[in-house]
Amino acid sequence: MADSRLAILSRHFTSAAEAADCKAGSCSFGQNLGWIKISPEVSEALKHGTPIVALESTIISHGMPYPQNFETAKELEVIVRENGAVPATIAILDGVPCIGLTTEELEILARLGSKARKTASRDIALVMAGRENGATTVSATMYLASKVGIPVFVTGGIGGVHRHGENTMDVSSDLTELGNTPVAVISAGIKSILDIPRTLEYLETQRVTVAAYRTDEFPAFFTQTSGCKAPARVESPEHCARVIDANIRLEQKSGILIAVPIPREHSASGSLIESAIQQALQEAREKKITGNAETPFLLARVNELTGGASLASNIALVKNNASIGAKVAVSLAQLQKRSYNRL
């Protein structure tokens, strides 16, 4: 089954060597637009049914400064490996979507920082056509992961309905992507700079399965509690895997959001964070910062206002998510292997 999956994919996507040849000039620009570069390690993992965890790249280029972003990116991949899965960091380099990055490519993104285009799913074609470097958001990472058959994706927190979004209609494409792409997203919930209750309502409208990990309350990114009851609860990586497997068997077109609370020892003070968020929001309004520039500004400003506490919490929570996400991917691969062997 794994072999046939890769055979289908190979008709649409290039190998790492072929993509390198293309970038070197041995294919036409038109042909290049249709190709995805899959690293040899990820390609082998897909072929043999080895568990894989997709990782986004916006957190590298827009989430924190260099060299902290580079070190964190490497550490996340180490954590995924230590827990039995293959990391597949996703980005667009020179217009080529890449599934799995080398250490050198990770550093390129880290050094580029915000010069790499923040790329949502709607922007992928534009970045490819312009042969740009793109750091993929949750929506773009989900989309590209689904195209190569990676069902588990780890991030820090997803986007959502912005505060006052009922008036501005500023709603992240992460939510519509979750409603249309069957990938399980392991995160610390919804970024706390956003409107969490309205985001949960929107996810319900989008038919997205939402569950909190070992808690009845939906987490709030920097803190363990949001005041919102979680729609469902999952108890273990195996439990998560069964939910994902059922979603696949049902051929659902929507994704799954597993919200993992930040470890208590790294949880920031709720009142401190909320005060910083309110000040950052006010400054964003005064400076007329909107659209996809708003979230990076808010996160950076909140970090400044909290004396670095929010960034430390951000790094801790995404590392925790990587550990749990890898265990979920391993459990899912084992479950699917047992099911396949029974056929």
C-alpha atoms as a PDB file:
ATOM      1  CA  MET A   1       0.000   0.000   0.000  1.00  0.00           C
ATOM      2  CA  ALA A   2       2.832   2.389   0.889  1.00  0.00           C
ATOM      3  CA  ASP A   3       4.620   1.484  -2.357  1.00  0.00           C
ATOM      4  CA  SER A   4       1.540   2.195  -4.457  1.00  0.00           C
ATOM      5  CA  ARG A   5       1.064   5.523  -2.690  1.00  0.00           C
ATOM      6  CA  LEU A   6       4.584   6.610  -3.638  1.00  0.00           C
ATOM      7  CA  ALA A   7       4.131   5.354  -7.197  1.00  0.00           C
ATOM      8  CA  ILE A   8       1.110   7.605  -7.601  1.00  0.00           C
ATOM      9  CA  LEU A   9       2.975  10.533  -6.090  1.00  0.00           C
ATOM     10  CA  SER A  10       5.989  10.028  -8.323  1.00  0.00           C
ATOM     11  CA  ARG A  11       3.908  10.866 -11.388  1.00  0.00           C
ATOM     12  CA  HIS A  12       3.282  14.329  -9.970  1.00  0.00           C
ATOM     13  CA  PHE A  13       6.305  15.212  -7.857  1.00  0.00           C
ATOM     14  CA  THR A  14      10.018  15.217  -8.436  1.00  0.00           C
ATOM     15  CA  SER A  15      12.758  13.512  -6.492  1.00  0.00           C
ATOM     16  CA  ALA A  16      15.368  15.633  -4.736  1.00  0.00           C
ATOM     17  CA  ALA A  17      17.876  14.962  -7.527  1.00  0.00           C
ATOM     18  CA  GLU A  18      15.404  15.888 -10.257  1.00  0.00           C
ATOM     19  CA  ALA A  19      14.458  19.091  -8.479  1.00  0.00           C
ATOM     20  CA  ALA A  20      18.137  19.988  -8.143  1.00  0.00           C
ATOM     21  CA  ASP A  21      18.603  19.406 -11.870  1.00  0.00           C
ATOM     22  CA  CYS A  22      15.602  21.603 -12.564  1.00  0.00           C
ATOM     23  CA  LYS A  23      16.930  24.402 -10.373  1.00  0.00           C
ATOM     24  CA  ALA A  24      20.259  24.083 -12.180  1.00  0.00           C
ATOM     25  CA  GLY A  25      18.479  24.844 -15.430  1.00  0.00           C
ATOM     26  CA  SER A  26      17.777  21.478 -17.047  1.00  0.00           C
ATOM     27  CA  CYS A  27      14.011  21.957 -17.159  1.00  0.00           C
ATOM     28  CA  SER A  28      11.746  24.719 -18.372  1.00  0.00           C
ATOM     29  CA  PHE A  29      10.190  27.238 -16.007  1.00  0.00           C
ATOM     30  CA  GLY A  30       6.726  25.933 -16.837  1.00  0.00           C
ATOM     31  CA  GLN A  31       7.677  22.403 -15.832  1.00  0.00           C
ATOM     32  CA  ASN A  32       9.227  23.640 -12.606  1.00  0.00           C
ATOM     33  CA  LEU A  33       5.898  25.064 -11.444  1.00  0.00           C
ATOM     34  CA  GLY A  34       4.353  21.619 -11.152  1.00  0.00           C
ATOM     35  CA  TRP A  35       7.083  19.964  -9.111  1.00  0.00           C
ATOM     36  CA  ILE A  36       7.646  19.394  -5.428  1.00  0.00           C
ATOM     37  CA  LYS A  37      11.080  18.492  -4.090  1.00  0.00           C
ATOM     38  CA  ILE A  38      10.898  15.619  -1.595  1.00  0.00           C
ATOM     39  CA  SER A  39      14.081  14.962   0.380  1.00  0.00           C
ATOM     40  CA  PRO A  40      15.582  11.464   0.030  1.00  0.00           C
ATOM     41  CA  GLU A  41      14.875  10.700   3.698  1.00  0.00           C
ATOM     42  CA  VAL A  42      11.217  11.715   3.470  1.00  0.00           C
ATOM     43  CA  SER A  43      10.844   9.907   0.150  1.00  0.00           C
ATOM     44  CA  GLU A  44      12.131   6.673   1.723  1.00  0.00           C
ATOM     45  CA  ALA A  45       9.846   7.144   4.711  1.00  0.00           C
ATOM     46  CA  LEU A  46       6.829   7.563   2.436  1.00  0.00           C
ATOM     47  CA  LYS A  47       7.821   4.476   0.474  1.00  0.00           C
ATOM     48  CA  HIS A  48       8.109   2.256   3.545  1.00  0.00           C
ATOM     49  CA  GLY A  49       5.299   3.661   5.676  1.00  0.00           C
ATOM     50  CA  THR A  50       7.702   5.125   8.247  1.00  0.00           C
ATOM     51  CA  PRO A  51       6.037   7.718  10.518  1.00  0.00           C
ATOM     52  CA  ILE A  52       6.611  11.306   9.395  1.00  0.00           C
ATOM     53  CA  VAL A  53       5.899  14.616  11.107  1.00  0.00           C
ATOM     54  CA  ALA A  54       5.463  17.749   9.002  1.00  0.00           C
ATOM     55  CA  LEU A  55       6.867  20.977  10.465  1.00  0.00           C
ATOM     56  CA  GLU A  56       6.131  24.516   9.317  1.00  0.00           C
ATOM     57  CA  SER A  57       8.753  27.115   8.426  1.00  0.00           C
ATOM     58  CA  THR A  58       7.075  30.401   9.374  1.00  0.00           C
ATOM     59  CA  ILE A  59       8.121  29.776  12.958  1.00  0.00           C
ATOM     60  CA  ILE A  60      11.731  29.744  11.696  1.00  0.00           C
ATOM     61  CA  SER A  61      11.662  32.895   9.610  1.00  0.00           C
ATOM     62  CA  HIS A  62       8.968  34.988  11.307  1.00  0.00           C
ATOM     63  CA  GLY A  63       8.617  33.501  14.785  1.00  0.00           C
ATOM     64  CA  MET A  64      11.936  34.343  16.450  1.00  0.00           C
ATOM     65  CA  PRO A  65      15.312  36.001  15.757  1.00  0.00           C
ATOM     66  CA  TYR A  66      18.471  34.392  14.361  1.00  0.00           C
ATOM     67  CA  PRO A  67      20.265  32.296  15.599  1.00  0.00           C
ATOM     68  CA  GLN A  68      17.599  31.244  18.095  1.00  0.00           C
ATOM     69  CA  ASN A  69      15.277  30.314  15.230  1.00  0.00           C
ATOM     70  CA  PHE A  70      17.921  28.105  13.604  1.00  0.00           C
ATOM     71  CA  GLU A  71      18.768  26.327  16.854  1.00  0.00           C
ATOM     72  CA  THR A  72      15.081  25.778  17.620  1.00  0.00           C
ATOM     73  CA  ALA A  73      14.419  24.377  14.135  1.00  0.00           C
ATOM     74  CA  LYS A  74      17.256  21.872  14.542  1.00  0.00           C
ATOM     75  CA  GLU A  75      16.114  20.946  18.048  1.00  0.00           C
ATOM     76  CA  LEU A  76      12.572  20.272  16.836  1.00  0.00           C
ATOM     77  CA  GLU A  77      13.867  17.851  14.219  1.00  0.00           C
ATOM     78  CA  VAL A  78      16.001  16.100  16.860  1.00  0.00           C
ATOM     79  CA  ILE A  79      12.967  15.732  19.143  1.00  0.00           C
ATOM     80  CA  VAL A  80      10.914  14.216  16.326  1.00  0.00           C
ATOM     81  CA  ARG A  81      13.693  11.721  15.561  1.00  0.00           C
ATOM     82  CA  GLU A  82      14.193  10.813  19.229  1.00  0.00           C
ATOM     83  CA  ASN A  83      10.526   9.892  19.401  1.00  0.00           C
ATOM     84  CA  GLY A  84      10.675   7.577  16.400  1.00  0.00           C
ATOM     85  CA  ALA A  85       9.526   9.671  13.444  1.00  0.00           C
ATOM     86  CA  VAL A  86      11.090  11.427  10.454  1.00  0.00           C
ATOM     87  CA  PRO A  87      10.880  15.248  10.473  1.00  0.00           C
ATOM     88  CA  ALA A  88       9.722  16.945   7.280  1.00  0.00           C
ATOM     89  CA  THR A  89      10.154  20.692   7.558  1.00  0.00           C
ATOM     90  CA  ILE A  90       8.265  22.314   4.689  1.00  0.00           C
ATOM     91  CA  ALA A  91       9.177  25.528   2.865  1.00  0.00           C
ATOM     92  CA  ILE A  92       9.459  26.985  -0.626  1.00  0.00           C
ATOM     93  CA  LEU A  93      13.003  27.673  -1.817  1.00  0.00           C
ATOM     94  CA  ASP A  94      13.655  29.466  -5.114  1.00  0.00           C
ATOM     95  CA  GLY A  95      10.055  28.768  -6.089  1.00  0.00           C
ATOM     96  CA  VAL A  96      10.236  25.030  -5.396  1.00  0.00           C
ATOM     97  CA  PRO A  97       8.059  23.561  -2.614  1.00  0.00           C
ATOM     98  CA  CYS A  98      10.356  21.429  -0.460  1.00  0.00           C
ATOM     99  CA  ILE A  99       9.241  18.574   1.770  1.00  0.00           C
ATOM    100  CA  GLY A 100      12.133  17.952   4.153  1.00  0.00           C
ATOM    101  CA  LEU A 101      15.026  20.406   4.456  1.00  0.00           C
ATOM    102  CA  THR A 102      18.752  19.950   4.902  1.00  0.00           C
ATOM    103  CA  THR A 103      20.534  21.698   7.773  1.00  0.00           C
ATOM    104  CA  GLU A 104      21.914  24.169   5.240  1.00  0.00           C
ATOM    105  CA  GLU A 105      18.423  24.938   3.945  1.00  0.00           C
ATOM    106  CA  LEU A 106      17.135  25.422   7.487  1.00  0.00           C
ATOM    107  CA  GLU A 107      19.887  27.973   8.073  1.00  0.00           C
ATOM    108  CA  ILE A 108      19.093  29.777   4.830  1.00  0.00           C
ATOM    109  CA  LEU A 109      15.524  30.284   6.027  1.00  0.00           C
ATOM    110  CA  ALA A 110      16.666  31.260   9.495  1.00  0.00           C
ATOM    111  CA  ARG A 111      19.050  33.903   8.141  1.00  0.00           C
ATOM    112  CA  LEU A 112      16.459  35.225   5.685  1.00  0.00           C
ATOM    113  CA  GLY A 113      14.049  35.856   8.527  1.00  0.00           C
ATOM    114  CA  SER A 114      11.148  38.046   7.473  1.00  0.00           C
ATOM    115  CA  LYS A 115      12.725  38.472   4.014  1.00  0.00           C
ATOM    116  CA  ALA A 116      11.252  35.052   3.255  1.00  0.00           C
ATOM    117  CA  ARG A 117       7.682  35.586   2.161  1.00  0.00           C
ATOM    118  CA  LYS A 118       5.096  34.518   4.709  1.00  0.00           C
ATOM    119  CA  THR A 119       3.221  31.988   2.583  1.00  0.00           C
ATOM    120  CA  ALA A 120      -0.341  30.873   3.236  1.00  0.00           C
ATOM    121  CA  SER A 121      -2.015  28.317   0.975  1.00  0.00           C
ATOM    122  CA  ARG A 122      -3.372  31.074  -1.272  1.00  0.00           C
ATOM    123  CA  ASP A 123       0.182  32.358  -1.860  1.00  0.00           C
ATOM    124  CA  ILE A 124       1.873  29.113  -2.933  1.00  0.00           C
ATOM    125  CA  ALA A 125       1.328  29.637  -6.667  1.00  0.00           C
ATOM    126  CA  LEU A 126       2.562  33.234  -6.463  1.00  0.00           C
ATOM    127  CA  VAL A 127       5.750  32.247  -4.634  1.00  0.00           C
ATOM    128  CA  MET A 128       6.398  29.423  -7.093  1.00  0.00           C
ATOM    129  CA  ALA A 129       5.793  31.639 -10.122  1.00  0.00           C
ATOM    130  CA  GLY A 130       8.099  34.326  -8.772  1.00  0.00           C
ATOM    131  CA  ARG A 131      10.777  31.798  -7.801  1.00  0.00           C
ATOM    132  CA  GLU A 132      10.713  33.306  -4.338  1.00  0.00           C
ATOM    133  CA  ASN A 133      11.628  31.930  -0.930  1.00  0.00           C
ATOM    134  CA  GLY A 134       8.523  31.220   1.102  1.00  0.00           C
ATOM    135  CA  ALA A 135       8.062  30.331   4.760  1.00  0.00           C
ATOM    136  CA  THR A 136       4.918  28.237   4.962  1.00  0.00           C
ATOM    137  CA  THR A 137       2.190  29.023   7.476  1.00  0.00           C
ATOM    138  CA  VAL A 138      -0.105  26.398   8.987  1.00  0.00           C
ATOM    139  CA  SER A 139      -2.425  26.471   5.969  1.00  0.00           C
ATOM    140  CA  ALA A 140       0.333  26.133   3.349  1.00  0.00           C
ATOM    141  CA  THR A 141       2.153  23.457   5.341  1.00  0.00           C
ATOM    142  CA  MET A 142      -1.057  21.456   5.717  1.00  0.00           C
ATOM    143  CA  TYR A 143      -1.781  21.725   2.015  1.00  0.00           C
ATOM    144  CA  LEU A 144       1.679  20.611   0.900  1.00  0.00           C
ATOM    145  CA  ALA A 145       1.853  17.842   3.522  1.00  0.00           C
ATOM    146  CA  SER A 146      -1.463  16.451   2.303  1.00  0.00           C
ATOM    147  CA  LYS A 147      -0.239  16.432  -1.295  1.00  0.00           C
ATOM    148  CA  VAL A 148       2.514  13.954  -0.453  1.00  0.00           C
ATOM    149  CA  GLY A 149       0.526  11.873   2.031  1.00  0.00           C
ATOM    150  CA  ILE A 150       1.824  13.136   5.404  1.00  0.00           C
ATOM    151  CA  PRO A 151      -1.110  12.980   7.865  1.00  0.00           C
ATOM    152  CA  VAL A 152       0.481  14.514  11.003  1.00  0.00           C
ATOM    153  CA  PHE A 153       1.712  18.087  11.344  1.00  0.00           C
ATOM    154  CA  VAL A 154       3.178  19.835  14.405  1.00  0.00           C
ATOM    155  CA  THR A 155       3.101  23.578  14.994  1.00  0.00           C
ATOM    156  CA  GLY A 156       3.107  26.021  17.892  1.00  0.00           C
ATOM    157  CA  GLY A 157      -0.396  27.424  17.573  1.00  0.00           C
ATOM    158  CA  ILE A 158      -2.854  27.894  14.743  1.00  0.00           C
ATOM    159  CA  GLY A 159      -4.264  31.155  13.457  1.00  0.00           C
ATOM    160  CA  GLY A 160      -7.900  31.990  13.954  1.00  0.00           C
ATOM    161  CA  VAL A 161     -10.493  34.725  14.202  1.00  0.00           C
ATOM    162  CA  HIS A 162      -8.754  37.952  15.177  1.00  0.00           C
ATOM    163  CA  ARG A 163     -10.071  40.007  18.049  1.00  0.00           C
ATOM    164  CA  HIS A 164     -12.845  42.231  16.656  1.00  0.00           C
ATOM    165  CA  GLY A 165     -12.898  39.842  13.704  1.00  0.00           C
ATOM    166  CA  GLU A 166     -16.696  40.039  13.697  1.00  0.00           C
ATOM    167  CA  ASN A 167     -16.210  43.577  12.339  1.00  0.00           C
ATOM    168  CA  THR A 168     -12.976  43.309  10.350  1.00  0.00           C
ATOM    169  CA  MET A 169     -13.610  39.807   8.929  1.00  0.00           C
ATOM    170  CA  ASP A 170      -9.935  39.069   9.652  1.00  0.00           C
ATOM    171  CA  VAL A 171     -10.018  35.285   9.837  1.00  0.00           C
ATOM    172  CA  SER A 172      -6.952  33.118   9.244  1.00  0.00           C
ATOM    173  CA  SER A 173      -6.929  30.765   6.271  1.00  0.00           C
ATOM    174  CA  ASP A 174      -5.649  28.137   8.719  1.00  0.00           C
ATOM    175  CA  LEU A 175      -9.296  27.569   9.638  1.00  0.00           C
ATOM    176  CA  THR A 176     -10.611  27.046   6.123  1.00  0.00           C
ATOM    177  CA  GLU A 177      -7.612  24.837   5.332  1.00  0.00           C
ATOM    178  CA  LEU A 178      -8.473  22.708   8.365  1.00  0.00           C
ATOM    179  CA  GLY A 179     -11.980  22.446   6.963  1.00  0.00           C
ATOM    180  CA  ASN A 180     -10.741  21.223   3.588  1.00  0.00           C
ATOM    181  CA  THR A 181      -7.522  19.280   4.194  1.00  0.00           C
ATOM    182  CA  PRO A 182      -7.416  15.913   6.029  1.00  0.00           C
ATOM    183  CA  VAL A 183      -4.281  16.504   8.108  1.00  0.00           C
ATOM    184  CA  ALA A 184      -4.060  16.262  11.897  1.00  0.00           C
ATOM    185  CA  VAL A 185      -2.542  19.384  13.453  1.00  0.00           C
ATOM    186  CA  ILE A 186      -0.867  19.030  16.842  1.00  0.00           C
ATOM    187  CA  SER A 187      -0.630  22.472  18.446  1.00  0.00           C
ATOM    188  CA  ALA A 188      -0.927  24.319  21.747  1.00  0.00           C
ATOM    189  CA  GLY A 189      -4.327  25.480  20.594  1.00  0.00           C
ATOM    190  CA  ILE A 190      -5.073  28.862  19.082  1.00  0.00           C
ATOM    191  CA  LYS A 191      -2.638  31.756  19.451  1.00  0.00           C
ATOM    192  CA  SER A 192      -3.747  33.707  22.519  1.00  0.00           C
ATOM    193  CA  ILE A 193      -3.563  37.034  20.673  1.00  0.00           C
ATOM    194  CA  LEU A 194      -6.718  35.865  18.852  1.00  0.00           C
ATOM    195  CA  ASP A 195     -10.391  35.407  19.739  1.00  0.00           C
ATOM    196  CA  ILE A 196     -10.408  31.816  20.978  1.00  0.00           C
ATOM    197  CA  PRO A 197     -14.189  31.360  21.561  1.00  0.00           C
ATOM    198  CA  ARG A 198     -15.084  32.656  18.090  1.00  0.00           C
ATOM    199  CA  THR A 199     -12.326  30.557  16.525  1.00  0.00           C
ATOM    200  CA  LEU A 200     -13.745  27.405  18.122  1.00  0.00           C
ATOM    201  CA  GLU A 201     -17.175  28.298  16.741  1.00  0.00           C
ATOM    202  CA  TYR A 202     -15.677  28.794  13.282  1.00  0.00           C
ATOM    203  CA  LEU A 203     -13.900  25.434  13.460  1.00  0.00           C
ATOM    204  CA  GLU A 204     -17.213  23.761  14.251  1.00  0.00           C
ATOM    205  CA  THR A 205     -18.750  25.405  11.193  1.00  0.00           C
ATOM    206  CA  GLN A 206     -15.835  24.088   9.118  1.00  0.00           C
ATOM    207  CA  ARG A 207     -16.519  20.498  10.352  1.00  0.00           C
ATOM    208  CA  VAL A 208     -13.110  20.273  12.018  1.00  0.00           C
ATOM    209  CA  THR A 209     -12.681  17.626  14.725  1.00  0.00           C
ATOM    210  CA  VAL A 210     -11.256  19.422  17.773  1.00  0.00           C
ATOM    211  CA  ALA A 211      -9.946  17.703  20.898  1.00  0.00           C
ATOM    212  CA  ALA A 212      -7.771  18.686  23.848  1.00  0.00           C
ATOM    213  CA  TYR A 213      -4.971  16.415  25.014  1.00  0.00           C
ATOM    214  CA  ARG A 214      -5.554  15.032  28.521  1.00  0.00           C
ATOM    215  CA  THR A 215      -7.656  18.016  29.609  1.00  0.00           C
ATOM    216  CA  ASP A 216     -11.279  19.137  29.494  1.00  0.00           C
ATOM    217  CA  GLU A 217     -10.437  22.802  28.926  1.00  0.00           C
ATOM    218  CA  PHE A 218      -9.148  24.138  25.648  1.00  0.00           C
ATOM    219  CA  PRO A 219      -5.602  25.526  26.108  1.00  0.00           C
ATOM    220  CA  ALA A 220      -4.651  29.101  25.248  1.00  0.00           C
ATOM    221  CA  PHE A 221      -1.180  28.762  23.715  1.00  0.00           C
ATOM    222  CA  PHE A 222       0.953  30.533  26.354  1.00  0.00           C
ATOM    223  CA  THR A 223      -1.278  29.285  29.181  1.00  0.00           C
ATOM    224  CA  GLN A 224      -3.028  26.003  29.967  1.00  0.00           C
ATOM    225  CA  THR A 225      -6.520  27.454  30.270  1.00  0.00           C
ATOM    226  CA  SER A 226      -8.705  29.639  28.063  1.00  0.00           C
ATOM    227  CA  GLY A 227     -12.049  29.537  29.842  1.00  0.00           C
ATOM    228  CA  CYS A 228     -13.448  27.483  26.938  1.00  0.00           C
ATOM    229  CA  LYS A 229     -14.524  23.874  27.326  1.00  0.00           C
ATOM    230  CA  ALA A 230     -12.835  21.580  24.830  1.00  0.00           C
ATOM    231  CA  PRO A 231     -15.248  19.955  22.339  1.00  0.00           C
ATOM    232  CA  ALA A 232     -13.637  16.562  23.051  1.00  0.00           C
ATOM    233  CA  ARG A 233     -10.765  14.987  24.962  1.00  0.00           C
ATOM    234  CA  VAL A 234      -8.075  12.507  23.918  1.00  0.00           C
ATOM    235  CA  GLU A 235      -5.944  10.649  26.435  1.00  0.00           C
ATOM    236  CA  SER A 236      -2.874   9.323  24.632  1.00  0.00           C
ATOM    237  CA  PRO A 237      -0.958   9.215  21.340  1.00  0.00           C
ATOM    238  CA  GLU A 238      -2.742   5.921  20.615  1.00  0.00           C
ATOM    239  CA  HIS A 239      -6.122   7.573  21.168  1.00  0.00           C
ATOM    240  CA  CYS A 240      -5.148  10.406  18.816  1.00  0.00           C
ATOM    241  CA  ALA A 241      -4.018   7.862  16.221  1.00  0.00           C
ATOM    242  CA  ARG A 242      -7.362   6.055  16.353  1.00  0.00           C
ATOM    243  CA  VAL A 243      -9.203   9.330  15.737  1.00  0.00           C
ATOM    244  CA  ILE A 244      -6.936  10.191  12.793  1.00  0.00           C
ATOM    245  CA  ASP A 245      -7.265   6.686  11.362  1.00  0.00           C
ATOM    246  CA  ALA A 246     -11.057   6.853  11.617  1.00  0.00           C
ATOM    247  CA  ASN A 247     -11.038  10.219   9.842  1.00  0.00           C
ATOM    248  CA  ILE A 248      -8.972   8.688   7.033  1.00  0.00           C
ATOM    249  CA  ARG A 249     -11.232   5.639   6.761  1.00  0.00           C
ATOM    250  CA  LEU A 250     -14.292   7.871   6.575  1.00  0.00           C
ATOM    251  CA  GLU A 251     -12.577   9.766   3.746  1.00  0.00           C
ATOM    252  CA  GLN A 252     -13.351  13.013   5.509  1.00  0.00           C
ATOM    253  CA  LYS A 253     -12.094  16.075   3.678  1.00  0.00           C
ATOM    254  CA  SER A 254     -11.625  18.047   6.885  1.00  0.00           C
ATOM    255  CA  GLY A 255      -8.698  17.965   9.272  1.00  0.00           C
ATOM    256  CA  ILE A 256      -8.244  17.430  12.994  1.00  0.00           C
ATOM    257  CA  LEU A 257      -6.956  19.819  15.658  1.00  0.00           C
ATOM    258  CA  ILE A 258      -5.342  18.261  18.729  1.00  0.00           C
ATOM    259  CA  ALA A 259      -4.719  20.986  21.317  1.00  0.00           C
ATOM    260  CA  VAL A 260      -1.897  20.186  23.739  1.00  0.00           C
ATOM    261  CA  PRO A 261      -1.568  22.386  26.853  1.00  0.00           C
ATOM    262  CA  ILE A 262       1.819  23.989  27.407  1.00  0.00           C
ATOM    263  CA  PRO A 263       3.689  22.186  30.222  1.00  0.00           C
ATOM    264  CA  ARG A 264       2.793  23.832  33.529  1.00  0.00           C
ATOM    265  CA  GLU A 265       6.402  24.731  34.353  1.00  0.00           C
ATOM    266  CA  HIS A 266       6.621  26.790  31.147  1.00  0.00           C
ATOM    267  CA  SER A 267       3.173  28.373  31.308  1.00  0.00           C
ATOM    268  CA  ALA A 268       3.236  32.160  31.347  1.00  0.00           C
ATOM    269  CA  SER A 269       1.187  34.306  33.707  1.00  0.00           C
ATOM    270  CA  GLY A 270      -2.257  34.748  32.166  1.00  0.00           C
ATOM    271  CA  SER A 271      -2.671  38.310  33.454  1.00  0.00           C
ATOM    272  CA  LEU A 272       0.819  39.304  32.282  1.00  0.00           C
ATOM    273  CA  ILE A 273       0.209  37.912  28.797  1.00  0.00           C
ATOM    274  CA  GLU A 274      -3.265  39.445  28.468  1.00  0.00           C
ATOM    275  CA  SER A 275      -2.006  42.882  29.527  1.00  0.00           C
ATOM    276  CA  ALA A 276       0.793  42.669  26.953  1.00  0.00           C
ATOM    277  CA  ILE A 277      -1.636  41.511  24.263  1.00  0.00           C
ATOM    278  CA  GLN A 278      -3.983  44.440  24.889  1.00  0.00           C
ATOM    279  CA  GLN A 279      -1.115  46.937  24.632  1.00  0.00           C
ATOM    280  CA  ALA A 280       0.225  45.269  21.470  1.00  0.00           C
ATOM    281  CA  LEU A 281      -3.238  45.304  19.883  1.00  0.00           C
ATOM    282  CA  GLN A 282      -3.598  49.008  20.636  1.00  0.00           C
ATOM    283  CA  GLU A 283      -0.205  49.733  19.076  1.00  0.00           C
ATOM    284  CA  ALA A 284      -1.089  47.670  15.995  1.00  0.00           C
ATOM    285  CA  ARG A 285      -4.268  49.706  15.536  1.00  0.00           C
ATOM    286  CA  GLU A 286      -2.393  52.986  15.941  1.00  0.00           C
ATOM    287  CA  LYS A 287       0.248  51.911  13.415  1.00  0.00           C
ATOM    288  CA  LYS A 288      -2.433  50.488  11.099  1.00  0.00           C
ATOM    289  CA  ILE A 289      -0.723  47.088  10.992  1.00  0.00           C
ATOM    290  CA  THR A 290      -3.171  44.621   9.465  1.00  0.00           C
ATOM    291  CA  GLY A 291      -3.375  41.432   7.408  1.00  0.00           C
ATOM    292  CA  ASN A 292      -0.611  38.853   7.546  1.00  0.00           C
ATOM    293  CA  ALA A 293       1.778  41.395   9.099  1.00  0.00           C
ATOM    294  CA  GLU A 294      -0.326  41.666  12.253  1.00  0.00           C
ATOM    295  CA  THR A 295       0.368  38.292  13.884  1.00  0.00           C
ATOM    296  CA  PRO A 296       4.203  38.520  13.643  1.00  0.00           C
ATOM    297  CA  PHE A 297       4.041  42.083  14.998  1.00  0.00           C
ATOM    298  CA  LEU A 298       1.806  41.103  17.907  1.00  0.00           C
ATOM    299  CA  LEU A 299       3.899  38.082  18.882  1.00  0.00           C
ATOM    300  CA  ALA A 300       7.136  40.077  18.727  1.00  0.00           C
ATOM    301  CA  ARG A 301       5.669  42.977  20.700  1.00  0.00           C
ATOM    302  CA  VAL A 302       4.180  40.684  23.346  1.00  0.00           C
ATOM    303  CA  ASN A 303       7.604  39.094  23.726  1.00  0.00           C
ATOM    304  CA  GLU A 304       9.179  42.526  24.244  1.00  0.00           C
ATOM    305  CA  LEU A 305       6.525  43.563  26.761  1.00  0.00           C
ATOM    306  CA  THR A 306       6.917  40.352  28.760  1.00  0.00           C
ATOM    307  CA  GLY A 307      10.686  40.604  28.868  1.00  0.00           C
ATOM    308  CA  GLY A 308      11.154  37.518  26.704  1.00  0.00           C
ATOM    309  CA  ALA A 309       8.835  35.316  28.765  1.00  0.00           C
ATOM    310  CA  SER A 310       6.400  34.715  25.917  1.00  0.00           C
ATOM    311  CA  LEU A 311       9.157  33.616  23.494  1.00  0.00           C
ATOM    312  CA  ALA A 312      10.555  31.190  26.067  1.00  0.00           C
ATOM    313  CA  SER A 313       7.053  29.771  26.508  1.00  0.00           C
ATOM    314  CA  ASN A 314       6.607  29.583  22.728  1.00  0.00           C
ATOM    315  CA  ILE A 315       9.790  27.541  22.295  1.00  0.00           C
ATOM    316  CA  ALA A 316       8.888  25.231  25.187  1.00  0.00           C
ATOM    317  CA  LEU A 317       5.396  24.532  23.905  1.00  0.00           C
ATOM    318  CA  VAL A 318       6.422  23.764  20.330  1.00  0.00           C
ATOM    319  CA  LYS A 319       9.088  21.346  21.594  1.00  0.00           C
ATOM    320  CA  ASN A 320       6.443  19.621  23.701  1.00  0.00           C
ATOM    321  CA  ASN A 321       4.139  19.478  20.684  1.00  0.00           C
ATOM    322  CA  ALA A 322       6.930  17.930  18.591  1.00  0.00           C
ATOM    323  CA  SER A 323       7.421  15.170  21.146  1.00  0.00           C
ATOM    324  CA  ILE A 324       3.722  14.345  21.350  1.00  0.00           C
ATOM    325  CA  GLY A 325       3.188  14.742  17.603  1.00  0.00           C
ATOM    326  CA  ALA A 326       5.980  12.276  16.831  1.00  0.00           C
ATOM    327  CA  LYS A 327       4.453   9.751  19.225  1.00  0.00           C
ATOM    328  CA  VAL A 328       1.089  10.227  17.516  1.00  0.00           C
ATOM    329  CA  ALA A 329       2.688   9.651  14.095  1.00  0.00           C
ATOM    330  CA  VAL A 330       4.380   6.471  15.359  1.00  0.00           C
ATOM    331  CA  SER A 331       1.110   5.178  16.835  1.00  0.00           C
ATOM    332  CA  LEU A 332      -0.729   5.949  13.600  1.00  0.00           C
ATOM    333  CA  ALA A 333       1.870   4.135  11.479  1.00  0.00           C
ATOM    334  CA  GLN A 334       1.679   1.093  13.767  1.00  0.00           C
ATOM    335  CA  LEU A 335      -2.116   1.099  13.660  1.00  0.00           C
ATOM    336  CA  GLN A 336      -2.202   1.339   9.874  1.00  0.00           C
ATOM    337  CA  LYS A 337       0.415  -1.404   9.544  1.00  0.00           C
ATOM    338  CA  ARG A 338      -1.676  -3.752  11.706  1.00  0.00           C
ATOM    339  CA  SER A 339      -4.765  -2.948   9.649  1.00  0.00           C
ATOM    340  CA  TYR A 340      -2.868  -3.573   6.402  1.00  0.00           C
ATOM    341  CA  ASN A 341      -1.506  -6.906   7.655  1.00  0.00           C
ATOM    342  CA  ARG A 342      -5.037  -8.086   8.430  1.00  0.00           C
ATOM    343  CA  LEU A 343      -6.123  -7.586   4.827  1.00  0.00           C
END
